[in-house]
C-alpha atoms as a PDB file:
ATOM      1  CA  MET A   1      19.785   7.768 -16.754  1.00  0.00           C
ATOM      2  CA  LYS A   2      19.392   4.719 -14.520  1.00  0.00           C
ATOM      3  CA  LEU A   3      17.150   1.915 -15.776  1.00  0.00           C
ATOM      4  CA  GLY A   4      15.126  -0.493 -13.694  1.00  0.00           C
ATOM      5  CA  ASP A   5      16.107  -4.100 -13.042  1.00  0.00           C
ATOM      6  CA  GLY A   6      15.061  -6.231 -16.026  1.00  0.00           C
ATOM      7  CA  VAL A   7      14.040  -3.257 -18.169  1.00  0.00           C
ATOM      8  CA  GLU A   8      16.681  -4.087 -20.777  1.00  0.00           C
ATOM      9  CA  THR A   9      14.139  -6.525 -22.229  1.00  0.00           C
ATOM     10  CA  TYR A  10      12.231  -3.497 -23.530  1.00  0.00           C
ATOM     11  CA  GLY A  11      15.126  -2.597 -25.817  1.00  0.00           C
ATOM     12  CA  ALA A  12      14.684   0.829 -27.384  1.00  0.00           C
ATOM     13  CA  GLU A  13      11.373   1.269 -25.553  1.00  0.00           C
ATOM     14  CA  ALA A  14      13.058   1.240 -22.111  1.00  0.00           C
ATOM     15  CA  GLN A  15      12.632   4.505 -20.225  1.00  0.00           C
ATOM     16  CA  PRO A  16      14.642   6.121 -17.421  1.00  0.00           C
ATOM     17  CA  ARG A  17      13.618   4.586 -14.112  1.00  0.00           C
ATOM     18  CA  LEU A  18      10.929   6.652 -12.385  1.00  0.00           C
ATOM     19  CA  GLY A  19       9.965   6.632  -8.741  1.00  0.00           C
ATOM     20  CA  PHE A  20       8.916   8.404  -5.552  1.00  0.00           C
ATOM     21  CA  PHE A  21      10.894  10.271  -2.918  1.00  0.00           C
ATOM     22  CA  THR A  22       8.713  10.819   0.146  1.00  0.00           C
ATOM     23  CA  ASP A  23      10.070  13.513   2.472  1.00  0.00           C
ATOM     24  CA  THR A  24       8.285  12.870   5.763  1.00  0.00           C
ATOM     25  CA  SER A  25       9.738  16.028   7.316  1.00  0.00           C
ATOM     26  CA  ILE A  26       7.269  18.165   5.341  1.00  0.00           C
ATOM     27  CA  CYS A  27       4.257  15.820   5.378  1.00  0.00           C
ATOM     28  CA  ILE A  28       1.285  17.541   7.056  1.00  0.00           C
ATOM     29  CA  GLY A  29      -0.932  14.461   7.203  1.00  0.00           C
ATOM     30  CA  CYS A  30      -3.641  15.963   4.999  1.00  0.00           C
ATOM     31  CA  LYS A  31      -4.301  12.606   3.263  1.00  0.00           C
ATOM     32  CA  ALA A  32      -4.715  14.279  -0.126  1.00  0.00           C
ATOM     33  CA  CYS A  33      -2.520  11.494  -1.532  1.00  0.00           C
ATOM     34  CA  GLU A  34      -4.844   8.800  -0.185  1.00  0.00           C
ATOM     35  CA  VAL A  35      -7.904  10.478  -1.663  1.00  0.00           C
ATOM     36  CA  ALA A  36      -6.282  11.201  -5.046  1.00  0.00           C
ATOM     37  CA  CYS A  37      -5.076   7.605  -5.313  1.00  0.00           C
ATOM     38  CA  LYS A  38      -8.521   6.203  -4.605  1.00  0.00           C
ATOM     39  CA  GLU A  39     -10.267   8.572  -6.982  1.00  0.00           C
ATOM     40  CA  TRP A  40      -7.935   8.055  -9.927  1.00  0.00           C
ATOM     41  CA  ASN A  41      -7.512   4.301  -9.564  1.00  0.00           C
ATOM     42  CA  LEU A  42     -11.119   3.608  -8.484  1.00  0.00           C
ATOM     43  CA  VAL A  43      -9.867   1.904  -5.319  1.00  0.00           C
ATOM     44  CA  PRO A  44     -12.728   0.909  -2.954  1.00  0.00           C
ATOM     45  CA  ASP A  45     -13.160   2.673   0.374  1.00  0.00           C
ATOM     46  CA  ASP A  46     -11.825   1.087   3.563  1.00  0.00           C
ATOM     47  CA  GLY A  47     -14.965   1.462   5.624  1.00  0.00           C
ATOM     48  CA  LEU A  48     -15.551   4.031   8.327  1.00  0.00           C
ATOM     49  CA  VAL A  49     -13.698   2.338  11.193  1.00  0.00           C
ATOM     50  CA  TRP A  50     -12.136   4.251  14.068  1.00  0.00           C
ATOM     51  CA  THR A  51      -8.751   2.608  14.669  1.00  0.00           C
ATOM     52  CA  GLY A  52      -7.871   4.543  17.792  1.00  0.00           C
ATOM     53  CA  HIS A  53      -4.400   5.270  16.437  1.00  0.00           C
ATOM     54  CA  SER A  54      -4.352   9.070  16.294  1.00  0.00           C
ATOM     55  CA  TYR A  55      -5.891  10.252  13.000  1.00  0.00           C
ATOM     56  CA  ASP A  56      -4.867   7.112  11.118  1.00  0.00           C
ATOM     57  CA  ASN A  57      -8.150   5.628   9.910  1.00  0.00           C
ATOM     58  CA  THR A  58      -6.693   3.282   7.264  1.00  0.00           C
ATOM     59  CA  GLY A  59      -4.148   1.475   9.436  1.00  0.00           C
ATOM     60  CA  GLU A  60      -1.914  -0.066   6.785  1.00  0.00           C
ATOM     61  CA  LEU A  61      -1.367  -0.637   3.082  1.00  0.00           C
ATOM     62  CA  SER A  62      -3.762  -3.132   1.540  1.00  0.00           C
ATOM     63  CA  ALA A  63      -5.656  -4.048  -1.616  1.00  0.00           C
ATOM     64  CA  ASN A  64      -7.969  -1.122  -0.828  1.00  0.00           C
ATOM     65  CA  THR A  65      -5.314   1.316   0.436  1.00  0.00           C
ATOM     66  CA  TRP A  66      -2.447   1.964  -1.973  1.00  0.00           C
ATOM     67  CA  ARG A  67      -1.284   5.093  -0.126  1.00  0.00           C
ATOM     68  CA  HIS A  68      -1.379   5.069   3.668  1.00  0.00           C
ATOM     69  CA  VAL A  69      -0.612   8.111   5.800  1.00  0.00           C
ATOM     70  CA  ALA A  70       0.700   7.009   9.185  1.00  0.00           C
ATOM     71  CA  PHE A  71       0.379   9.265  12.248  1.00  0.00           C
ATOM     72  CA  ILE A  72       2.876   8.494  15.016  1.00  0.00           C
ATOM     73  CA  GLU A  73       2.453  10.459  18.236  1.00  0.00           C
ATOM     74  CA  GLN A  74       5.599  10.842  20.349  1.00  0.00           C
ATOM     75  CA  GLN A  75       6.404  12.403  23.696  1.00  0.00           C
ATOM     76  CA  ALA A  76       9.501  14.062  22.290  1.00  0.00           C
ATOM     77  CA  PRO A  77      10.600  17.567  21.240  1.00  0.00           C
ATOM     78  CA  ASP A  78      10.187  18.455  17.588  1.00  0.00           C
ATOM     79  CA  PRO A  79      13.735  19.017  16.194  1.00  0.00           C
ATOM     80  CA  ILE A  80      12.396  20.818  13.143  1.00  0.00           C
ATOM     81  CA  LYS A  81      10.423  23.420  15.086  1.00  0.00           C
ATOM     82  CA  GLN A  82      13.255  23.708  17.640  1.00  0.00           C
ATOM     83  CA  GLY A  83      10.839  24.849  20.295  1.00  0.00           C
ATOM     84  CA  LYS A  84      10.154  23.679  23.836  1.00  0.00           C
ATOM     85  CA  GLN A  85       7.356  21.297  22.902  1.00  0.00           C
ATOM     86  CA  ASP A  86       7.488  17.850  24.471  1.00  0.00           C
ATOM     87  CA  PHE A  87       5.161  16.316  21.848  1.00  0.00           C
ATOM     88  CA  ARG A  88       5.380  15.747  18.099  1.00  0.00           C
ATOM     89  CA  TRP A  89       3.663  13.928  15.277  1.00  0.00           C
ATOM     90  CA  LEU A  90       5.651  11.900  12.785  1.00  0.00           C
ATOM     91  CA  MET A  91       3.673  11.581   9.559  1.00  0.00           C
ATOM     92  CA  GLU A  92       4.592   9.321   6.669  1.00  0.00           C
ATOM     93  CA  SER A  93       2.769   8.549   3.442  1.00  0.00           C
ATOM     94  CA  ASP A  94       3.637   4.918   2.779  1.00  0.00           C
ATOM     95  CA  VAL A  95       3.340   3.143  -0.572  1.00  0.00           C
ATOM     96  CA  CYS A  96       4.544   0.070  -2.482  1.00  0.00           C
ATOM     97  CA  LYS A  97       8.331   0.268  -2.739  1.00  0.00           C
ATOM     98  CA  HIS A  98       8.602  -0.944  -6.374  1.00  0.00           C
ATOM     99  CA  CYS A  99      11.728  -2.858  -5.364  1.00  0.00           C
ATOM    100  CA  THR A 100      14.722  -3.222  -7.662  1.00  0.00           C
ATOM    101  CA  HIS A 101      14.710  -6.944  -6.842  1.00  0.00           C
ATOM    102  CA  ALA A 102      10.998  -7.610  -6.387  1.00  0.00           C
ATOM    103  CA  GLY A 103      10.114 -10.860  -4.638  1.00  0.00           C
ATOM    104  CA  CYS A 104       6.466 -10.579  -5.715  1.00  0.00           C
ATOM    105  CA  LEU A 105       7.520 -10.546  -9.349  1.00  0.00           C
ATOM    106  CA  ASP A 106       9.885 -13.509  -8.844  1.00  0.00           C
ATOM    107  CA  VAL A 107       7.223 -15.824  -7.433  1.00  0.00           C
ATOM    108  CA  CYS A 108       4.164 -14.931  -9.541  1.00  0.00           C
ATOM    109  CA  PRO A 109       3.198 -18.146 -11.390  1.00  0.00           C
ATOM    110  CA  THR A 110       0.900 -16.560 -13.973  1.00  0.00           C
ATOM    111  CA  GLY A 111       2.979 -13.584 -15.111  1.00  0.00           C
ATOM    112  CA  ALA A 112       0.372 -11.217 -13.672  1.00  0.00           C
ATOM    113  CA  ILE A 113       3.156  -9.157 -12.067  1.00  0.00           C
ATOM    114  CA  PHE A 114       5.531  -7.509 -14.493  1.00  0.00           C
ATOM    115  CA  ARG A 115       8.218  -4.842 -14.671  1.00  0.00           C
ATOM    116  CA  THR A 116       7.203  -1.848 -16.765  1.00  0.00           C
ATOM    117  CA  GLU A 117       9.428   0.102 -19.117  1.00  0.00           C
ATOM    118  CA  PHE A 118       9.742   2.714 -16.327  1.00  0.00           C
ATOM    119  CA  GLY A 119      11.172   0.178 -13.861  1.00  0.00           C
ATOM    120  CA  THR A 120       7.982   0.009 -11.781  1.00  0.00           C
ATOM    121  CA  VAL A 121       6.173  -3.174 -10.702  1.00  0.00           C
ATOM    122  CA  VAL A 122       2.525  -3.668 -11.697  1.00  0.00           C
ATOM    123  CA  ILE A 123      -0.107  -6.376 -11.127  1.00  0.00           C
ATOM    124  CA  GLN A 124      -2.373  -7.136 -14.098  1.00  0.00           C
ATOM    125  CA  ASP A 125      -5.838  -7.619 -12.625  1.00  0.00           C
ATOM    126  CA  ASP A 126      -7.116  -9.788 -15.469  1.00  0.00           C
ATOM    127  CA  VAL A 127      -4.185 -12.223 -15.200  1.00  0.00           C
ATOM    128  CA  CYS A 128      -3.920 -12.556 -11.404  1.00  0.00           C
ATOM    129  CA  ASN A 129      -5.399 -15.818 -10.084  1.00  0.00           C
ATOM    130  CA  GLY A 130      -5.330 -14.768  -6.414  1.00  0.00           C
ATOM    131  CA  CYS A 131      -2.867 -17.489  -5.341  1.00  0.00           C
ATOM    132  CA  GLY A 132      -1.244 -15.213  -2.762  1.00  0.00           C
ATOM    133  CA  TYR A 133       2.393 -16.172  -3.392  1.00  0.00           C
ATOM    134  CA  CYS A 134       3.259 -12.496  -3.793  1.00  0.00           C
ATOM    135  CA  VAL A 135       1.889 -11.729  -0.318  1.00  0.00           C
ATOM    136  CA  THR A 136       4.523 -13.816   1.445  1.00  0.00           C
ATOM    137  CA  ALA A 137       7.266 -12.706  -0.972  1.00  0.00           C
ATOM    138  CA  CYS A 138       6.894  -9.006  -0.103  1.00  0.00           C
ATOM    139  CA  PRO A 139       9.093  -7.985   2.871  1.00  0.00           C
ATOM    140  CA  PHE A 140       6.908  -4.911   3.478  1.00  0.00           C
ATOM    141  CA  GLY A 141       3.448  -6.523   3.658  1.00  0.00           C
ATOM    142  CA  VAL A 142       2.204  -4.298   0.838  1.00  0.00           C
ATOM    143  CA  ILE A 143       0.078  -6.759  -1.159  1.00  0.00           C
ATOM    144  CA  THR A 144      -3.233  -8.228  -0.005  1.00  0.00           C
ATOM    145  CA  LYS A 145      -6.265  -9.866  -1.597  1.00  0.00           C
ATOM    146  CA  ARG A 146      -9.400  -7.866  -2.352  1.00  0.00           C
ATOM    147  CA  GLU A 147     -12.122  -9.952  -0.760  1.00  0.00           C
ATOM    148  CA  LEU A 148     -15.613  -9.267   0.628  1.00  0.00           C
ATOM    149  CA  GLY A 149     -17.308  -8.469  -2.643  1.00  0.00           C
ATOM    150  CA  GLY A 150     -14.076  -7.809  -4.525  1.00  0.00           C
ATOM    151  CA  ASP A 151     -12.530  -9.700  -7.400  1.00  0.00           C
ATOM    152  CA  GLY A 152     -10.429 -12.011  -5.221  1.00  0.00           C
ATOM    153  CA  GLY A 153      -7.222 -10.770  -6.845  1.00  0.00           C
ATOM    154  CA  MET A 154      -4.112  -9.150  -5.421  1.00  0.00           C
ATOM    155  CA  HIS A 155      -3.777  -5.376  -5.629  1.00  0.00           C
ATOM    156  CA  LYS A 156      -1.240  -2.655  -4.839  1.00  0.00           C
ATOM    157  CA  CYS A 157       0.084   0.679  -6.097  1.00  0.00           C
ATOM    158  CA  THR A 158       0.858   0.748  -9.826  1.00  0.00           C
ATOM    159  CA  LEU A 159       2.685   4.085  -9.569  1.00  0.00           C
ATOM    160  CA  CYS A 160      -0.151   5.214 -11.838  1.00  0.00           C
ATOM    161  CA  TYR A 161       1.238   3.312 -14.829  1.00  0.00           C
ATOM    162  CA  ASP A 162      -1.551   4.623 -17.066  1.00  0.00           C
ATOM    163  CA  ARG A 163      -0.592   8.206 -16.204  1.00  0.00           C
ATOM    164  CA  LEU A 164       3.121   7.537 -16.795  1.00  0.00           C
ATOM    165  CA  GLN A 165       2.361   6.274 -20.280  1.00  0.00           C
ATOM    166  CA  ASP A 166       0.763   9.638 -21.036  1.00  0.00           C
ATOM    167  CA  GLY A 167       3.636  11.653 -19.572  1.00  0.00           C
ATOM    168  CA  MET A 168       1.709  12.579 -16.398  1.00  0.00           C
ATOM    169  CA  GLU A 169       2.868  12.347 -12.794  1.00  0.00           C
ATOM    170  CA  PRO A 170       1.087   9.946 -10.403  1.00  0.00           C
ATOM    171  CA  ALA A 171      -2.102  11.210  -8.784  1.00  0.00           C
ATOM    172  CA  CYS A 172      -0.717  11.197  -5.225  1.00  0.00           C
ATOM    173  CA  ALA A 173       2.306  13.352  -6.125  1.00  0.00           C
ATOM    174  CA  LYS A 174       0.101  15.692  -8.139  1.00  0.00           C
ATOM    175  CA  ALA A 175      -2.217  16.203  -5.159  1.00  0.00           C
ATOM    176  CA  CYS A 176       0.433  16.640  -2.437  1.00  0.00           C
ATOM    177  CA  PRO A 177       0.309  20.312  -1.354  1.00  0.00           C
ATOM    178  CA  THR A 178       3.738  20.389   0.315  1.00  0.00           C
ATOM    179  CA  ASP A 179       5.735  18.337  -2.207  1.00  0.00           C
ATOM    180  CA  SER A 180       6.303  15.725   0.486  1.00  0.00           C
ATOM    181  CA  ILE A 181       5.761  13.185  -2.323  1.00  0.00           C
ATOM    182  CA  GLN A 182       8.193  13.950  -5.123  1.00  0.00           C
ATOM    183  CA  PHE A 183       8.144  12.109  -8.451  1.00  0.00           C
ATOM    184  CA  GLY A 184      10.731  11.887 -11.222  1.00  0.00           C
ATOM    185  CA  PRO A 185      13.805  10.038 -12.535  1.00  0.00           C
ATOM    186  CA  LEU A 186      15.060   7.901  -9.666  1.00  0.00           C
ATOM    187  CA  ASP A 187      18.726   8.916  -9.834  1.00  0.00           C
ATOM    188  CA  GLU A 188      17.773  12.590  -9.659  1.00  0.00           C
ATOM    189  CA  LEU A 189      15.479  11.956  -6.702  1.00  0.00           C
ATOM    190  CA  VAL A 190      18.213  10.115  -4.785  1.00  0.00           C
ATOM    191  CA  GLU A 191      20.641  12.986  -5.297  1.00  0.00           C
ATOM    192  CA  ARG A 192      18.013  15.508  -4.164  1.00  0.00           C
ATOM    193  CA  ALA A 193      17.128  13.379  -1.138  1.00  0.00           C
ATOM    194  CA  ARG A 194      20.744  13.129  -0.008  1.00  0.00           C
ATOM    195  CA  GLU A 195      21.096  16.898  -0.175  1.00  0.00           C
ATOM    196  CA  ARG A 196      17.877  17.375   1.799  1.00  0.00           C
ATOM    197  CA  CYS A 197      18.932  14.838   4.436  1.00  0.00           C
ATOM    198  CA  GLY A 198      22.322  16.521   4.768  1.00  0.00           C
ATOM    199  CA  ASP A 199      20.682  19.914   5.208  1.00  0.00           C
ATOM    200  CA  LEU A 200      18.450  18.588   7.988  1.00  0.00           C
ATOM    201  CA  VAL A 201      21.349  16.972   9.843  1.00  0.00           C
ATOM    202  CA  GLU A 202      23.367  20.174   9.528  1.00  0.00           C
ATOM    203  CA  ALA A 203      20.375  22.094  10.931  1.00  0.00           C
ATOM    204  CA  GLY A 204      20.378  19.903  14.032  1.00  0.00           C
ATOM    205  CA  VAL A 205      17.933  17.163  13.057  1.00  0.00           C
ATOM    206  CA  SER A 206      20.354  14.346  13.801  1.00  0.00           C
ATOM    207  CA  GLU A 207      17.662  11.658  13.465  1.00  0.00           C
ATOM    208  CA  ALA A 208      17.132  12.370   9.742  1.00  0.00           C
ATOM    209  CA  ARG A 209      18.010   9.404   7.528  1.00  0.00           C
ATOM    210  CA  LEU A 210      17.212   7.947   4.111  1.00  0.00           C
ATOM    211  CA  TYR A 211      15.403   4.637   3.917  1.00  0.00           C
ATOM    212  CA  LEU A 212      15.676   2.305   0.877  1.00  0.00           C
ATOM    213  CA  ALA A 213      17.917   4.677  -1.113  1.00  0.00           C
ATOM    214  CA  ASP A 214      20.891   2.273  -0.989  1.00  0.00           C
ATOM    215  CA  GLU A 215      21.147  -0.018  -4.016  1.00  0.00           C
ATOM    216  CA  ASN A 216      23.281  -2.422  -1.956  1.00  0.00           C
ATOM    217  CA  ASP A 217      20.565  -3.219   0.567  1.00  0.00           C
ATOM    218  CA  GLY A 218      18.478  -6.404   0.744  1.00  0.00           C
ATOM    219  CA  ILE A 219      16.146  -5.387  -2.089  1.00  0.00           C
ATOM    220  CA  GLY A 220      18.703  -3.671  -4.331  1.00  0.00           C
ATOM    221  CA  GLY A 221      17.237  -0.273  -3.498  1.00  0.00           C
ATOM    222  CA  ALA A 222      13.674   0.848  -4.097  1.00  0.00           C
ATOM    223  CA  GLY A 223      11.726   2.813  -6.641  1.00  0.00           C
ATOM    224  CA  ALA A 224       9.964   4.479  -3.699  1.00  0.00           C
ATOM    225  CA  PHE A 225      12.214   5.605  -0.854  1.00  0.00           C
ATOM    226  CA  PHE A 226      11.828   7.847   2.175  1.00  0.00           C
ATOM    227  CA  LEU A 227      13.429  10.475   4.367  1.00  0.00           C
ATOM    228  CA  LEU A 228      12.573   9.491   7.950  1.00  0.00           C
ATOM    229  CA  LEU A 229      12.979  11.353  11.240  1.00  0.00           C
ATOM    230  CA  ASP A 230      13.297   8.253  13.421  1.00  0.00           C
ATOM    231  CA  GLU A 231      14.094   4.554  13.200  1.00  0.00           C
ATOM    232  CA  PRO A 232      12.164   2.667  10.468  1.00  0.00           C
ATOM    233  CA  GLU A 233      10.510   0.484  13.107  1.00  0.00           C
ATOM    234  CA  VAL A 234       8.786   3.566  14.555  1.00  0.00           C
ATOM    235  CA  TYR A 235       6.958   3.924  11.225  1.00  0.00           C
ATOM    236  CA  GLY A 236       6.135   0.214  11.071  1.00  0.00           C
ATOM    237  CA  LEU A 237       8.840  -0.428   8.450  1.00  0.00           C
ATOM    238  CA  PRO A 238      11.368  -3.298   8.560  1.00  0.00           C
ATOM    239  CA  PRO A 239      14.846  -1.964   9.474  1.00  0.00           C
ATOM    240  CA  GLN A 240      16.765  -4.226   7.081  1.00  0.00           C
ATOM    241  CA  PRO A 241      14.350  -5.662   4.503  1.00  0.00           C
ATOM    242  CA  VAL A 242      15.555  -8.578   2.405  1.00  0.00           C
ATOM    243  CA  VAL A 243      13.685  -9.959  -0.580  1.00  0.00           C
ATOM    244  CA  PRO A 244      12.935 -13.635   0.216  1.00  0.00           C
ATOM    245  CA  THR A 245      14.030 -14.734  -3.257  1.00  0.00           C
ATOM    246  CA  LYS A 246      17.456 -13.069  -2.987  1.00  0.00           C
ATOM    247  CA  ASN A 247      19.289 -16.405  -2.686  1.00  0.00           C
ATOM    248  CA  LEU A 248      16.920 -18.382  -4.894  1.00  0.00           C
ATOM    249  CA  GLY A 249      19.553 -19.015  -7.566  1.00  0.00           C
ATOM    250  CA  ALA A 250      22.061 -20.331  -5.047  1.00  0.00           C
ATOM    251  CA  ILE A 251      19.409 -22.517  -3.415  1.00  0.00           C
ATOM    252  CA  TRP A 252      18.410 -24.110  -6.736  1.00  0.00           C
ATOM    253  CA  GLY A 253      22.082 -24.557  -7.608  1.00  0.00           C
ATOM    254  CA  ALA A 254      22.752 -26.353  -4.338  1.00  0.00           C
ATOM    255  CA  ALA A 255      19.654 -28.510  -4.823  1.00  0.00           C
ATOM    256  CA  ALA A 256      20.780 -29.437  -8.352  1.00  0.00           C
ATOM    257  CA  ALA A 257      24.268 -30.300  -7.089  1.00  0.00           C
ATOM    258  CA  ALA A 258      22.808 -32.459  -4.321  1.00  0.00           C
ATOM    259  CA  ALA A 259      20.510 -34.211  -6.796  1.00  0.00           C
ATOM    260  CA  GLY A 260      23.460 -34.847  -9.102  1.00  0.00           C
ATOM    261  CA  ALA A 261      25.555 -36.261  -6.275  1.00  0.00           C
ATOM    262  CA  LEU A 262      22.655 -38.500  -5.233  1.00  0.00           C
ATOM    263  CA  ALA A 263      22.226 -39.767  -8.792  1.00  0.00           C
ATOM    264  CA  ILE A 264      25.937 -40.559  -9.033  1.00  0.00           C
ATOM    265  CA  GLY A 265      25.811 -42.345  -5.693  1.00  0.00           C
ATOM    266  CA  VAL A 266      22.787 -44.429  -6.677  1.00  0.00           C
ATOM    267  CA  GLY A 267      24.363 -45.247 -10.025  1.00  0.00           C
ATOM    268  CA  ALA A 268      27.623 -46.303  -8.386  1.00  0.00           C
ATOM    269  CA  ALA A 269      25.787 -48.464  -5.867  1.00  0.00           C
ATOM    270  CA  PHE A 270      23.745 -50.101  -8.628  1.00  0.00           C
ATOM    271  CA  LEU A 271      26.817 -50.857 -10.731  1.00  0.00           C
ATOM    272  CA  GLY A 272      28.682 -52.106  -7.692  1.00  0.00           C
ATOM    273  CA  GLY A 273      25.785 -54.388  -6.828  1.00  0.00           C
ATOM    274  CA  GLU A 274      25.816 -55.925 -10.302  1.00  0.00           C
ATOM    275  CA  LYS A 275      29.445 -56.995  -9.892  1.00  0.00           C
END
């Protein structure tokens, strides 16, 4: 079983890495995942605001929206239905990606963000100081601050860490009526997703593709990945996300080398001046 990045610190308590596979081809946009997430995690409501974007009344992931169902209306035939329609909806339940190389975790100065024994990434509410470093470190714009009567801290999906500890699946996956959100060991999910994607392509859905299932991408792969039916940008997702801290080690190494060279130069000039 595949473990999460950094989980070796748990020793014998480390668990197989768990995650989400979201198959957008069978999402019906019911928003059961959004409701279940809010109810279980006691996430505040988003307000009753009409966005004007189809039936999408939450708009994006935020401190108060840990699951967001996007509705994308397109003037295009539906390859799955294979009919003569010239209109289709693309629906996608978005969530925190629980990145293998998580920039939010790298930059957190208080240790509020940590990697669990299941390989997921969680923010500890009582340790977060609301500095916002994690906001800029996330290439997906997942994390925001809970303001306007909130606690002023940063919040995002925990992949229902409390439920995982009791051997339960996350609330959103439990509530999904079509199994669009699938939960389990990450390596098993990736294998299943590749088979599903291959089946769709073979059936004529040439646009089908996996997003964030490649461990060689800019975030080392994700603990939550997706089967999409169009380009990632259509869903509001970055096409080639890169964790901002990816080259942090090399940057610090170069800075240390430059500082060392400067010190040697100053020392040489000082000694030369004394002569």
